[in-house]
Amino acid sequence: MNLDELTSNIQKISKDDSIQKLLNNLESWKTDERNVFELRENIERFFGNTWFEKQTDFDKIYGIWSEFKNSAIDGIGGMTMNERLYWFGALDLFDNTKNESERKRIYEKLMAAK
C-alpha cells in the first residue's frame, strides 16, 4: 500500500474531524518541506496527541499507518528511486518537475539526495 492508497483507505474509515486533520497532514506532505523521517515523526506525534471518537477507528487507522510505515519508511534505505517514488505517490510529481532544483528537492524529501 503506497501513500495514496493509505489516504484512500483512511478516508473510508471515518469522517471524524481528527481523521480529516490526519488526512490533510498526509496529503500536504507531498508539497511541503518534510522528508520521510519527519513525516513519520509528525504522524506518530499526531497519533499520540489526538483523541479519536471511536477506539475502533483509531485501531484501524493506526494499523494501516503502521503497515505503511514499516514497509515504506522503515524500508526506504534499500529502495531504488523508482520504488521510493511509487511508495510515496510521487511518480507524477517527479515526472512533471521542470528543473533540476525541483528534482533535487524530491530526492532529498525521499532521502535519496545525490
PDB file of N, CA and C in Angstrom:
ATOM      1  N   MET A   1       0.842  -1.166   0.000  1.00  0.00           N
ATOM      2  CA  MET A   1       0.000   0.000   0.000  1.00  0.00           C
ATOM      3  C   MET A   1       0.896   1.241   0.000  1.00  0.00           C
ATOM      4  N   ASN A   2       0.731   2.096  -1.022  1.00  0.00           N
ATOM      5  CA  ASN A   2       1.522   3.317  -1.068  1.00  0.00           C
ATOM      6  C   ASN A   2       0.790   4.454  -0.349  1.00  0.00           C
ATOM      7  N   LEU A   3       1.383   5.648  -0.333  1.00  0.00           N
ATOM      8  CA  LEU A   3       0.814   6.768   0.416  1.00  0.00           C
ATOM      9  C   LEU A   3      -0.579   7.143  -0.085  1.00  0.00           C
ATOM     10  N   ASP A   4      -0.779   7.114  -1.398  1.00  0.00           N
ATOM     11  CA  ASP A   4      -2.099   7.443  -1.944  1.00  0.00           C
ATOM     12  C   ASP A   4      -3.146   6.415  -1.522  1.00  0.00           C
ATOM     13  N   GLU A   5      -2.780   5.155  -1.538  1.00  0.00           N
ATOM     14  CA  GLU A   5      -3.700   4.101  -1.102  1.00  0.00           C
ATOM     15  C   GLU A   5      -3.975   4.208   0.399  1.00  0.00           C
ATOM     16  N   LEU A   6      -2.951   4.578   1.157  1.00  0.00           N
ATOM     17  CA  LEU A   6      -3.119   4.777   2.599  1.00  0.00           C
ATOM     18  C   LEU A   6      -4.172   5.845   2.870  1.00  0.00           C
ATOM     19  N   THR A   7      -4.043   6.995   2.226  1.00  0.00           N
ATOM     20  CA  THR A   7      -5.011   8.072   2.472  1.00  0.00           C
ATOM     21  C   THR A   7      -6.405   7.670   2.006  1.00  0.00           C
ATOM     22  N   SER A   8      -6.478   6.963   0.905  1.00  0.00           N
ATOM     23  CA  SER A   8      -7.780   6.499   0.418  1.00  0.00           C
ATOM     24  C   SER A   8      -8.426   5.539   1.406  1.00  0.00           C
ATOM     25  N   ASN A   9      -7.654   4.627   1.947  1.00  0.00           N
ATOM     26  CA  ASN A   9      -8.171   3.663   2.922  1.00  0.00           C
ATOM     27  C   ASN A   9      -8.592   4.347   4.224  1.00  0.00           C
ATOM     28  N   ILE A  10      -7.848   5.356   4.646  1.00  0.00           N
ATOM     29  CA  ILE A  10      -8.212   6.086   5.863  1.00  0.00           C
ATOM     30  C   ILE A  10      -9.528   6.835   5.656  1.00  0.00           C
ATOM     31  N   GLN A  11      -9.704   7.428   4.496  1.00  0.00           N
ATOM     32  CA  GLN A  11     -10.945   8.161   4.193  1.00  0.00           C
ATOM     33  C   GLN A  11     -12.174   7.278   4.316  1.00  0.00           C
ATOM     34  N   LYS A  12     -12.026   6.010   4.009  1.00  0.00           N
ATOM     35  CA  LYS A  12     -13.149   5.076   4.048  1.00  0.00           C
ATOM     36  C   LYS A  12     -13.571   4.717   5.479  1.00  0.00           C
ATOM     37  N   ILE A  13     -12.699   4.955   6.436  1.00  0.00           N
ATOM     38  CA  ILE A  13     -12.966   4.528   7.806  1.00  0.00           C
ATOM     39  C   ILE A  13     -13.902   5.476   8.537  1.00  0.00           C
ATOM     40  N   SER A  14     -13.665   6.784   8.413  1.00  0.00           N
ATOM     41  CA  SER A  14     -14.474   7.728   9.175  1.00  0.00           C
ATOM     42  C   SER A  14     -14.342   9.130   8.608  1.00  0.00           C
ATOM     43  N   LYS A  15     -15.320   9.962   8.909  1.00  0.00           N
ATOM     44  CA  LYS A  15     -15.302  11.379   8.532  1.00  0.00           C
ATOM     45  C   LYS A  15     -15.044  12.265   9.755  1.00  0.00           C
ATOM     46  N   ASP A  16     -14.614  11.667  10.851  1.00  0.00           N
ATOM     47  CA  ASP A  16     -14.318  12.387  12.089  1.00  0.00           C
ATOM     48  C   ASP A  16     -13.326  13.527  11.808  1.00  0.00           C
ATOM     49  N   ASP A  17     -13.487  14.655  12.512  1.00  0.00           N
ATOM     50  CA  ASP A  17     -12.622  15.816  12.305  1.00  0.00           C
ATOM     51  C   ASP A  17     -11.144  15.499  12.519  1.00  0.00           C
ATOM     52  N   SER A  18     -10.829  14.719  13.529  1.00  0.00           N
ATOM     53  CA  SER A  18      -9.422  14.404  13.794  1.00  0.00           C
ATOM     54  C   SER A  18      -8.835  13.562  12.662  1.00  0.00           C
ATOM     55  N   ILE A  19      -9.643  12.716  12.077  1.00  0.00           N
ATOM     56  CA  ILE A  19      -9.169  11.896  10.956  1.00  0.00           C
ATOM     57  C   ILE A  19      -8.966  12.768   9.721  1.00  0.00           C
ATOM     58  N   GLN A  20      -9.812  13.760   9.534  1.00  0.00           N
ATOM     59  CA  GLN A  20      -9.635  14.689   8.419  1.00  0.00           C
ATOM     60  C   GLN A  20      -8.344  15.494   8.592  1.00  0.00           C
ATOM     61  N   LYS A  21      -8.008  15.855   9.825  1.00  0.00           N
ATOM     62  CA  LYS A  21      -6.744  16.556  10.078  1.00  0.00           C
ATOM     63  C   LYS A  21      -5.561  15.654   9.745  1.00  0.00           C
ATOM     64  N   LEU A  22      -5.669  14.386  10.084  1.00  0.00           N
ATOM     65  CA  LEU A  22      -4.627  13.430   9.743  1.00  0.00           C
ATOM     66  C   LEU A  22      -4.471  13.336   8.227  1.00  0.00           C
ATOM     67  N   LEU A  23      -5.582  13.238   7.521  1.00  0.00           N
ATOM     68  CA  LEU A  23      -5.543  13.154   6.059  1.00  0.00           C
ATOM     69  C   LEU A  23      -4.920  14.408   5.453  1.00  0.00           C
ATOM     70  N   ASN A  24      -5.283  15.560   5.958  1.00  0.00           N
ATOM     71  CA  ASN A  24      -4.691  16.808   5.463  1.00  0.00           C
ATOM     72  C   ASN A  24      -3.181  16.820   5.669  1.00  0.00           C
ATOM     73  N   ASN A  25      -2.758  16.319   6.824  1.00  0.00           N
ATOM     74  CA  ASN A  25      -1.339  16.242   7.144  1.00  0.00           C
ATOM     75  C   ASN A  25      -0.613  15.317   6.157  1.00  0.00           C
ATOM     76  N   LEU A  26      -1.186  14.155   5.903  1.00  0.00           N
ATOM     77  CA  LEU A  26      -0.581  13.197   4.966  1.00  0.00           C
ATOM     78  C   LEU A  26      -0.552  13.751   3.543  1.00  0.00           C
ATOM     79  N   GLU A  27      -1.650  14.335   3.116  1.00  0.00           N
ATOM     80  CA  GLU A  27      -1.740  14.826   1.749  1.00  0.00           C
ATOM     81  C   GLU A  27      -0.845  16.035   1.507  1.00  0.00           C
ATOM     82  N   SER A  28      -0.663  16.875   2.503  1.00  0.00           N
ATOM     83  CA  SER A  28       0.187  18.052   2.329  1.00  0.00           C
ATOM     84  C   SER A  28       1.665  17.691   2.291  1.00  0.00           C
ATOM     85  N   TRP A  29       2.010  16.505   2.747  1.00  0.00           N
ATOM     86  CA  TRP A  29       3.414  16.101   2.789  1.00  0.00           C
ATOM     87  C   TRP A  29       4.087  16.156   1.420  1.00  0.00           C
ATOM     88  N   LYS A  30       3.377  15.799   0.379  1.00  0.00           N
ATOM     89  CA  LYS A  30       3.989  15.758  -0.954  1.00  0.00           C
ATOM     90  C   LYS A  30       4.546  17.110  -1.385  1.00  0.00           C
ATOM     91  N   THR A  31       3.944  18.178  -0.944  1.00  0.00           N
ATOM     92  CA  THR A  31       4.370  19.500  -1.405  1.00  0.00           C
ATOM     93  C   THR A  31       5.026  20.349  -0.328  1.00  0.00           C
ATOM     94  N   ASP A  32       5.120  19.840   0.893  1.00  0.00           N
ATOM     95  CA  ASP A  32       5.788  20.637   1.926  1.00  0.00           C
ATOM     96  C   ASP A  32       7.269  20.259   2.001  1.00  0.00           C
ATOM     97  N   GLU A  33       7.946  20.749   3.013  1.00  0.00           N
ATOM     98  CA  GLU A  33       9.400  20.558   3.117  1.00  0.00           C
ATOM     99  C   GLU A  33       9.831  19.353   3.943  1.00  0.00           C
ATOM    100  N   ARG A  34       8.872  18.617   4.518  1.00  0.00           N
ATOM    101  CA  ARG A  34       9.245  17.479   5.364  1.00  0.00           C
ATOM    102  C   ARG A  34       9.783  16.320   4.530  1.00  0.00           C
ATOM    103  N   ASN A  35      10.796  15.618   5.078  1.00  0.00           N
ATOM    104  CA  ASN A  35      11.257  14.394   4.427  1.00  0.00           C
ATOM    105  C   ASN A  35      10.489  13.208   5.028  1.00  0.00           C
ATOM    106  N   VAL A  36      10.788  12.004   4.583  1.00  0.00           N
ATOM    107  CA  VAL A  36      10.006  10.840   5.028  1.00  0.00           C
ATOM    108  C   VAL A  36      10.149  10.582   6.525  1.00  0.00           C
ATOM    109  N   PHE A  37      11.323  10.851   7.084  1.00  0.00           N
ATOM    110  CA  PHE A  37      11.511  10.615   8.514  1.00  0.00           C
ATOM    111  C   PHE A  37      10.760  11.663   9.345  1.00  0.00           C
ATOM    112  N   GLU A  38      10.709  12.874   8.838  1.00  0.00           N
ATOM    113  CA  GLU A  38       9.930  13.907   9.522  1.00  0.00           C
ATOM    114  C   GLU A  38       8.436  13.613   9.417  1.00  0.00           C
ATOM    115  N   LEU A  39       8.024  13.048   8.290  1.00  0.00           N
ATOM    116  CA  LEU A  39       6.627  12.614   8.144  1.00  0.00           C
ATOM    117  C   LEU A  39       6.301  11.576   9.208  1.00  0.00           C
ATOM    118  N   ARG A  40       7.157  10.574   9.349  1.00  0.00           N
ATOM    119  CA  ARG A  40       6.936   9.527  10.359  1.00  0.00           C
ATOM    120  C   ARG A  40       6.819  10.130  11.759  1.00  0.00           C
ATOM    121  N   GLU A  41       7.750  10.997  12.120  1.00  0.00           N
ATOM    122  CA  GLU A  41       7.719  11.613  13.450  1.00  0.00           C
ATOM    123  C   GLU A  41       6.452  12.433  13.655  1.00  0.00           C
ATOM    124  N   ASN A  42       6.065  13.182  12.637  1.00  0.00           N
ATOM    125  CA  ASN A  42       4.894  14.034  12.735  1.00  0.00           C
ATOM    126  C   ASN A  42       3.614  13.224  12.887  1.00  0.00           C
ATOM    127  N   ILE A  43       3.475  12.161  12.116  1.00  0.00           N
ATOM    128  CA  ILE A  43       2.265  11.342  12.192  1.00  0.00           C
ATOM    129  C   ILE A  43       2.223  10.558  13.497  1.00  0.00           C
ATOM    130  N   GLU A  44       3.344  10.038  13.936  1.00  0.00           N
ATOM    131  CA  GLU A  44       3.378   9.334  15.220  1.00  0.00           C
ATOM    132  C   GLU A  44       2.996  10.281  16.358  1.00  0.00           C
ATOM    133  N   ARG A  45       3.495  11.508  16.305  1.00  0.00           N
ATOM    134  CA  ARG A  45       3.146  12.508  17.313  1.00  0.00           C
ATOM    135  C   ARG A  45       1.641  12.814  17.251  1.00  0.00           C
ATOM    136  N   PHE A  46       1.107  12.902  16.050  1.00  0.00           N
ATOM    137  CA  PHE A  46      -0.321  13.145  15.875  1.00  0.00           C
ATOM    138  C   PHE A  46      -1.132  12.060  16.582  1.00  0.00           C
ATOM    139  N   PHE A  47      -0.766  10.797  16.353  1.00  0.00           N
ATOM    140  CA  PHE A  47      -1.498   9.699  16.998  1.00  0.00           C
ATOM    141  C   PHE A  47      -1.377   9.764  18.519  1.00  0.00           C
ATOM    142  N   GLY A  48      -0.230  10.174  19.005  1.00  0.00           N
ATOM    143  CA  GLY A  48      -0.027  10.245  20.450  1.00  0.00           C
ATOM    144  C   GLY A  48      -0.747  11.405  21.122  1.00  0.00           C
ATOM    145  N   ASN A  49      -1.062  12.436  20.354  1.00  0.00           N
ATOM    146  CA  ASN A  49      -1.628  13.649  20.942  1.00  0.00           C
ATOM    147  C   ASN A  49      -3.061  13.946  20.506  1.00  0.00           C
ATOM    148  N   THR A  50      -3.690  13.042  19.789  1.00  0.00           N
ATOM    149  CA  THR A  50      -5.032  13.292  19.272  1.00  0.00           C
ATOM    150  C   THR A  50      -6.005  12.269  19.831  1.00  0.00           C
ATOM    151  N   TRP A  51      -7.151  12.758  20.234  1.00  0.00           N
ATOM    152  CA  TRP A  51      -8.195  11.885  20.741  1.00  0.00           C
ATOM    153  C   TRP A  51      -9.151  11.554  19.594  1.00  0.00           C
ATOM    154  N   PHE A  52      -9.400  10.271  19.374  1.00  0.00           N
ATOM    155  CA  PHE A  52     -10.331   9.802  18.357  1.00  0.00           C
ATOM    156  C   PHE A  52     -11.648   9.454  19.033  1.00  0.00           C
ATOM    157  N   GLU A  53     -12.759   9.765  18.378  1.00  0.00           N
ATOM    158  CA  GLU A  53     -14.068   9.487  18.958  1.00  0.00           C
ATOM    159  C   GLU A  53     -14.283   7.998  19.203  1.00  0.00           C
ATOM    160  N   LYS A  54     -13.815   7.168  18.290  1.00  0.00           N
ATOM    161  CA  LYS A  54     -14.012   5.721  18.420  1.00  0.00           C
ATOM    162  C   LYS A  54     -12.667   5.008  18.469  1.00  0.00           C
ATOM    163  N   GLN A  55     -12.489   4.191  19.467  1.00  0.00           N
ATOM    164  CA  GLN A  55     -11.255   3.417  19.595  1.00  0.00           C
ATOM    165  C   GLN A  55     -11.065   2.493  18.401  1.00  0.00           C
ATOM    166  N   THR A  56     -12.168   1.949  17.873  1.00  0.00           N
ATOM    167  CA  THR A  56     -12.055   1.054  16.714  1.00  0.00           C
ATOM    168  C   THR A  56     -11.499   1.791  15.496  1.00  0.00           C
ATOM    169  N   ASP A  57     -11.891   3.063  15.308  1.00  0.00           N
ATOM    170  CA  ASP A  57     -11.333   3.852  14.201  1.00  0.00           C
ATOM    171  C   ASP A  57      -9.834   4.054  14.399  1.00  0.00           C
ATOM    172  N   PHE A  58      -9.459   4.417  15.625  1.00  0.00           N
ATOM    173  CA  PHE A  58      -8.037   4.592  15.922  1.00  0.00           C
ATOM    174  C   PHE A  58      -7.262   3.311  15.624  1.00  0.00           C
ATOM    175  N   ASP A  59      -7.774   2.176  16.089  1.00  0.00           N
ATOM    176  CA  ASP A  59      -7.086   0.898  15.891  1.00  0.00           C
ATOM    177  C   ASP A  59      -6.906   0.579  14.410  1.00  0.00           C
ATOM    178  N   LYS A  60      -7.958   0.784  13.625  1.00  0.00           N
ATOM    179  CA  LYS A  60      -7.878   0.508  12.190  1.00  0.00           C
ATOM    180  C   LYS A  60      -6.882   1.438  11.501  1.00  0.00           C
ATOM    181  N   ILE A  61      -7.001   2.716  11.791  1.00  0.00           N
ATOM    182  CA  ILE A  61      -6.142   3.697  11.128  1.00  0.00           C
ATOM    183  C   ILE A  61      -4.695   3.535  11.556  1.00  0.00           C
ATOM    184  N   TYR A  62      -4.470   3.343  12.846  1.00  0.00           N
ATOM    185  CA  TYR A  62      -3.084   3.163  13.294  1.00  0.00           C
ATOM    186  C   TYR A  62      -2.502   1.865  12.723  1.00  0.00           C
ATOM    187  N   GLY A  63      -3.348   0.865  12.560  1.00  0.00           N
ATOM    188  CA  GLY A  63      -2.887  -0.393  11.971  1.00  0.00           C
ATOM    189  C   GLY A  63      -2.429  -0.228  10.531  1.00  0.00           C
ATOM    190  N   ILE A  64      -3.216   0.468   9.722  1.00  0.00           N
ATOM    191  CA  ILE A  64      -2.791   0.628   8.320  1.00  0.00           C
ATOM    192  C   ILE A  64      -1.648   1.633   8.201  1.00  0.00           C
ATOM    193  N   TRP A  65      -1.608   2.639   9.082  1.00  0.00           N
ATOM    194  CA  TRP A  65      -0.454   3.548   9.113  1.00  0.00           C
ATOM    195  C   TRP A  65       0.810   2.760   9.458  1.00  0.00           C
ATOM    196  N   SER A  66       0.736   1.894  10.462  1.00  0.00           N
ATOM    197  CA  SER A  66       1.903   1.108  10.872  1.00  0.00           C
ATOM    198  C   SER A  66       2.387   0.203   9.752  1.00  0.00           C
ATOM    199  N   GLU A  67       1.454  -0.370   9.026  1.00  0.00           N
ATOM    200  CA  GLU A  67       1.821  -1.213   7.879  1.00  0.00           C
ATOM    201  C   GLU A  67       2.581  -0.385   6.834  1.00  0.00           C
ATOM    202  N   PHE A  68       2.063   0.792   6.524  1.00  0.00           N
ATOM    203  CA  PHE A  68       2.739   1.678   5.579  1.00  0.00           C
ATOM    204  C   PHE A  68       4.107   2.096   6.106  1.00  0.00           C
ATOM    205  N   LYS A  69       4.139   2.532   7.352  1.00  0.00           N
ATOM    206  CA  LYS A  69       5.387   2.999   7.967  1.00  0.00           C
ATOM    207  C   LYS A  69       6.452   1.911   7.946  1.00  0.00           C
ATOM    208  N   ASN A  70       6.071   0.699   8.321  1.00  0.00           N
ATOM    209  CA  ASN A  70       7.031  -0.407   8.363  1.00  0.00           C
ATOM    210  C   ASN A  70       7.554  -0.757   6.980  1.00  0.00           C
ATOM    211  N   SER A  71       6.686  -0.728   5.985  1.00  0.00           N
ATOM    212  CA  SER A  71       7.101  -1.091   4.628  1.00  0.00           C
ATOM    213  C   SER A  71       7.824   0.047   3.922  1.00  0.00           C
ATOM    214  N   ALA A  72       7.227   1.229   3.925  1.00  0.00           N
ATOM    215  CA  ALA A  72       7.742   2.332   3.116  1.00  0.00           C
ATOM    216  C   ALA A  72       8.832   3.134   3.821  1.00  0.00           C
ATOM    217  N   ILE A  73       8.574   3.566   5.028  1.00  0.00           N
ATOM    218  CA  ILE A  73       9.537   4.459   5.686  1.00  0.00           C
ATOM    219  C   ILE A  73      10.691   3.675   6.289  1.00  0.00           C
ATOM    220  N   ASP A  74      10.389   2.646   7.052  1.00  0.00           N
ATOM    221  CA  ASP A  74      11.462   1.884   7.693  1.00  0.00           C
ATOM    222  C   ASP A  74      12.294   1.107   6.672  1.00  0.00           C
ATOM    223  N   GLY A  75      11.726   0.821   5.505  1.00  0.00           N
ATOM    224  CA  GLY A  75      12.449   0.069   4.477  1.00  0.00           C
ATOM    225  C   GLY A  75      13.041   0.925   3.382  1.00  0.00           C
ATOM    226  N   ILE A  76      13.023   2.242   3.546  1.00  0.00           N
ATOM    227  CA  ILE A  76      13.441   3.132   2.462  1.00  0.00           C
ATOM    228  C   ILE A  76      14.917   2.998   2.104  1.00  0.00           C
ATOM    229  N   GLY A  77      15.744   2.617   3.047  1.00  0.00           N
ATOM    230  CA  GLY A  77      17.180   2.532   2.795  1.00  0.00           C
ATOM    231  C   GLY A  77      17.571   1.566   1.700  1.00  0.00           C
ATOM    232  N   GLY A  78      16.798   0.527   1.488  1.00  0.00           N
ATOM    233  CA  GLY A  78      17.128  -0.458   0.465  1.00  0.00           C
ATOM    234  C   GLY A  78      16.366  -0.284  -0.839  1.00  0.00           C
ATOM    235  N   MET A  79      15.673   0.845  -0.992  1.00  0.00           N
ATOM    236  CA  MET A  79      14.838   1.054  -2.173  1.00  0.00           C
ATOM    237  C   MET A  79      15.560   1.828  -3.266  1.00  0.00           C
ATOM    238  N   THR A  80      15.172   1.524  -4.499  1.00  0.00           N
ATOM    239  CA  THR A  80      15.613   2.343  -5.629  1.00  0.00           C
ATOM    240  C   THR A  80      14.808   3.639  -5.622  1.00  0.00           C
ATOM    241  N   MET A  81      15.225   4.582  -6.426  1.00  0.00           N
ATOM    242  CA  MET A  81      14.480   5.842  -6.508  1.00  0.00           C
ATOM    243  C   MET A  81      13.075   5.597  -7.040  1.00  0.00           C
ATOM    244  N   ASN A  82      12.914   4.731  -8.023  1.00  0.00           N
ATOM    245  CA  ASN A  82      11.576   4.443  -8.558  1.00  0.00           C
ATOM    246  C   ASN A  82      10.673   3.825  -7.491  1.00  0.00           C
ATOM    247  N   GLU A  83      11.229   2.954  -6.671  1.00  0.00           N
ATOM    248  CA  GLU A  83      10.433   2.376  -5.577  1.00  0.00           C
ATOM    249  C   GLU A  83      10.007   3.456  -4.590  1.00  0.00           C
ATOM    250  N   ARG A  84      10.904   4.356  -4.277  1.00  0.00           N
ATOM    251  CA  ARG A  84      10.583   5.445  -3.356  1.00  0.00           C
ATOM    252  C   ARG A  84       9.477   6.325  -3.937  1.00  0.00           C
ATOM    253  N   LEU A  85       9.603   6.637  -5.217  1.00  0.00           N
ATOM    254  CA  LEU A  85       8.578   7.455  -5.875  1.00  0.00           C
ATOM    255  C   LEU A  85       7.224   6.760  -5.839  1.00  0.00           C
ATOM    256  N   TYR A  86       7.207   5.449  -6.070  1.00  0.00           N
ATOM    257  CA  TYR A  86       5.949   4.706  -6.018  1.00  0.00           C
ATOM    258  C   TYR A  86       5.372   4.706  -4.600  1.00  0.00           C
ATOM    259  N   TRP A  87       6.170   4.294  -3.620  1.00  0.00           N
ATOM    260  CA  TRP A  87       5.684   4.162  -2.244  1.00  0.00           C
ATOM    261  C   TRP A  87       5.100   5.456  -1.701  1.00  0.00           C
ATOM    262  N   PHE A  88       5.678   6.585  -2.121  1.00  0.00           N
ATOM    263  CA  PHE A  88       5.240   7.863  -1.581  1.00  0.00           C
ATOM    264  C   PHE A  88       4.363   8.651  -2.563  1.00  0.00           C
ATOM    265  N   GLY A  89       3.868   7.969  -3.594  1.00  0.00           N
ATOM    266  CA  GLY A  89       2.922   8.581  -4.517  1.00  0.00           C
ATOM    267  C   GLY A  89       3.478   9.799  -5.230  1.00  0.00           C
ATOM    268  N   ALA A  90       4.760   9.766  -5.552  1.00  0.00           N
ATOM    269  CA  ALA A  90       5.417  10.940  -6.120  1.00  0.00           C
ATOM    270  C   ALA A  90       5.869  10.742  -7.568  1.00  0.00           C
ATOM    271  N   LEU A  91       5.412   9.698  -8.229  1.00  0.00           N
ATOM    272  CA  LEU A  91       5.826   9.467  -9.617  1.00  0.00           C
ATOM    273  C   LEU A  91       5.453  10.638 -10.515  1.00  0.00           C
ATOM    274  N   ASP A  92       4.201  11.063 -10.474  1.00  0.00           N
ATOM    275  CA  ASP A  92       3.764  12.177 -11.318  1.00  0.00           C
ATOM    276  C   ASP A  92       4.459  13.469 -10.931  1.00  0.00           C
ATOM    277  N   LEU A  93       4.611  13.693  -9.651  1.00  0.00           N
ATOM    278  CA  LEU A  93       5.293  14.893  -9.172  1.00  0.00           C
ATOM    279  C   LEU A  93       6.708  14.950  -9.734  1.00  0.00           C
ATOM    280  N   PHE A  94       7.419  13.838  -9.685  1.00  0.00           N
ATOM    281  CA  PHE A  94       8.795  13.775 -10.181  1.00  0.00           C
ATOM    282  C   PHE A  94       8.831  13.939 -11.695  1.00  0.00           C
ATOM    283  N   ASP A  95       7.932  13.254 -12.400  1.00  0.00           N
ATOM    284  CA  ASP A  95       7.912  13.331 -13.869  1.00  0.00           C
ATOM    285  C   ASP A  95       7.561  14.727 -14.369  1.00  0.00           C
ATOM    286  N   ASN A  96       6.801  15.468 -13.580  1.00  0.00           N
ATOM    287  CA  ASN A  96       6.373  16.802 -14.009  1.00  0.00           C
ATOM    288  C   ASN A  96       7.272  17.929 -13.517  1.00  0.00           C
ATOM    289  N   THR A  97       8.399  17.589 -12.892  1.00  0.00           N
ATOM    290  CA  THR A  97       9.308  18.641 -12.436  1.00  0.00           C
ATOM    291  C   THR A  97       9.917  19.330 -13.642  1.00  0.00           C
ATOM    292  N   LYS A  98      10.116  20.614 -13.508  1.00  0.00           N
ATOM    293  CA  LYS A  98      10.572  21.408 -14.642  1.00  0.00           C
ATOM    294  C   LYS A  98      12.071  21.697 -14.625  1.00  0.00           C
ATOM    295  N   ASN A  99      12.696  21.534 -13.485  1.00  0.00           N
ATOM    296  CA  ASN A  99      14.129  21.828 -13.437  1.00  0.00           C
ATOM    297  C   ASN A  99      14.831  20.933 -12.420  1.00  0.00           C
ATOM    298  N   GLU A 100      16.136  20.983 -12.459  1.00  0.00           N
ATOM    299  CA  GLU A 100      16.949  20.119 -11.611  1.00  0.00           C
ATOM    300  C   GLU A 100      16.803  20.444 -10.127  1.00  0.00           C
ATOM    301  N   SER A 101      16.584  21.694  -9.766  1.00  0.00           N
ATOM    302  CA  SER A 101      16.449  22.032  -8.344  1.00  0.00           C
ATOM    303  C   SER A 101      15.173  21.416  -7.755  1.00  0.00           C
ATOM    304  N   GLU A 102      14.102  21.339  -8.533  1.00  0.00           N
ATOM    305  CA  GLU A 102      12.880  20.683  -8.061  1.00  0.00           C
ATOM    306  C   GLU A 102      13.112  19.187  -7.872  1.00  0.00           C
ATOM    307  N   ARG A 103      13.832  18.584  -8.803  1.00  0.00           N
ATOM    308  CA  ARG A 103      14.148  17.156  -8.669  1.00  0.00           C
ATOM    309  C   ARG A 103      15.030  16.915  -7.448  1.00  0.00           C
ATOM    310  N   LYS A 104      15.972  17.800  -7.220  1.00  0.00           N
ATOM    311  CA  LYS A 104      16.851  17.664  -6.052  1.00  0.00           C
ATOM    312  C   LYS A 104      16.028  17.696  -4.760  1.00  0.00           C
ATOM    313  N   ARG A 105      15.028  18.575  -4.717  1.00  0.00           N
ATOM    314  CA  ARG A 105      14.162  18.663  -3.541  1.00  0.00           C
ATOM    315  C   ARG A 105      13.422  17.343  -3.313  1.00  0.00           C
ATOM    316  N   ILE A 106      12.971  16.705  -4.394  1.00  0.00           N
ATOM    317  CA  ILE A 106      12.280  15.421  -4.273  1.00  0.00           C
ATOM    318  C   ILE A 106      13.253  14.334  -3.820  1.00  0.00           C
ATOM    319  N   TYR A 107      14.471  14.329  -4.370  1.00  0.00           N
ATOM    320  CA  TYR A 107      15.492  13.380  -3.915  1.00  0.00           C
ATOM    321  C   TYR A 107      15.718  13.522  -2.405  1.00  0.00           C
ATOM    322  N   GLU A 108      15.854  14.750  -1.946  1.00  0.00           N
ATOM    323  CA  GLU A 108      16.091  14.994  -0.523  1.00  0.00           C
ATOM    324  C   GLU A 108      14.896  14.573   0.326  1.00  0.00           C
ATOM    325  N   LYS A 109      13.695  14.858  -0.155  1.00  0.00           N
ATOM    326  CA  LYS A 109      12.471  14.503   0.554  1.00  0.00           C
ATOM    327  C   LYS A 109      12.387  12.990   0.741  1.00  0.00           C
ATOM    328  N   LEU A 110      12.839  12.248  -0.276  1.00  0.00           N
ATOM    329  CA  LEU A 110      12.778  10.788  -0.245  1.00  0.00           C
ATOM    330  C   LEU A 110      14.090  10.153   0.211  1.00  0.00           C
ATOM    331  N   MET A 111      14.944  10.971   0.821  1.00  0.00           N
ATOM    332  CA  MET A 111      16.206  10.501   1.399  1.00  0.00           C
ATOM    333  C   MET A 111      17.103   9.811   0.358  1.00  0.00           C
ATOM    334  N   ALA A 112      17.145  10.401  -0.836  1.00  0.00           N
ATOM    335  CA  ALA A 112      17.962   9.849  -1.917  1.00  0.00           C
ATOM    336  C   ALA A 112      18.794  10.957  -2.548  1.00  0.00           C
ATOM    337  N   ALA A 113      19.231  11.901  -1.734  1.00  0.00           N
ATOM    338  CA  ALA A 113      19.973  13.046  -2.265  1.00  0.00           C
ATOM    339  C   ALA A 113      21.229  12.583  -2.991  1.00  0.00           C
ATOM    340  N   LYS A 114      21.453  13.218  -4.116  1.00  0.00           N
ATOM    341  CA  LYS A 114      22.631  12.878  -4.932  1.00  0.00           C
ATOM    342  C   LYS A 114      23.870  13.501  -4.359  1.00  0.00           C
TER     343      LYS A 114
END
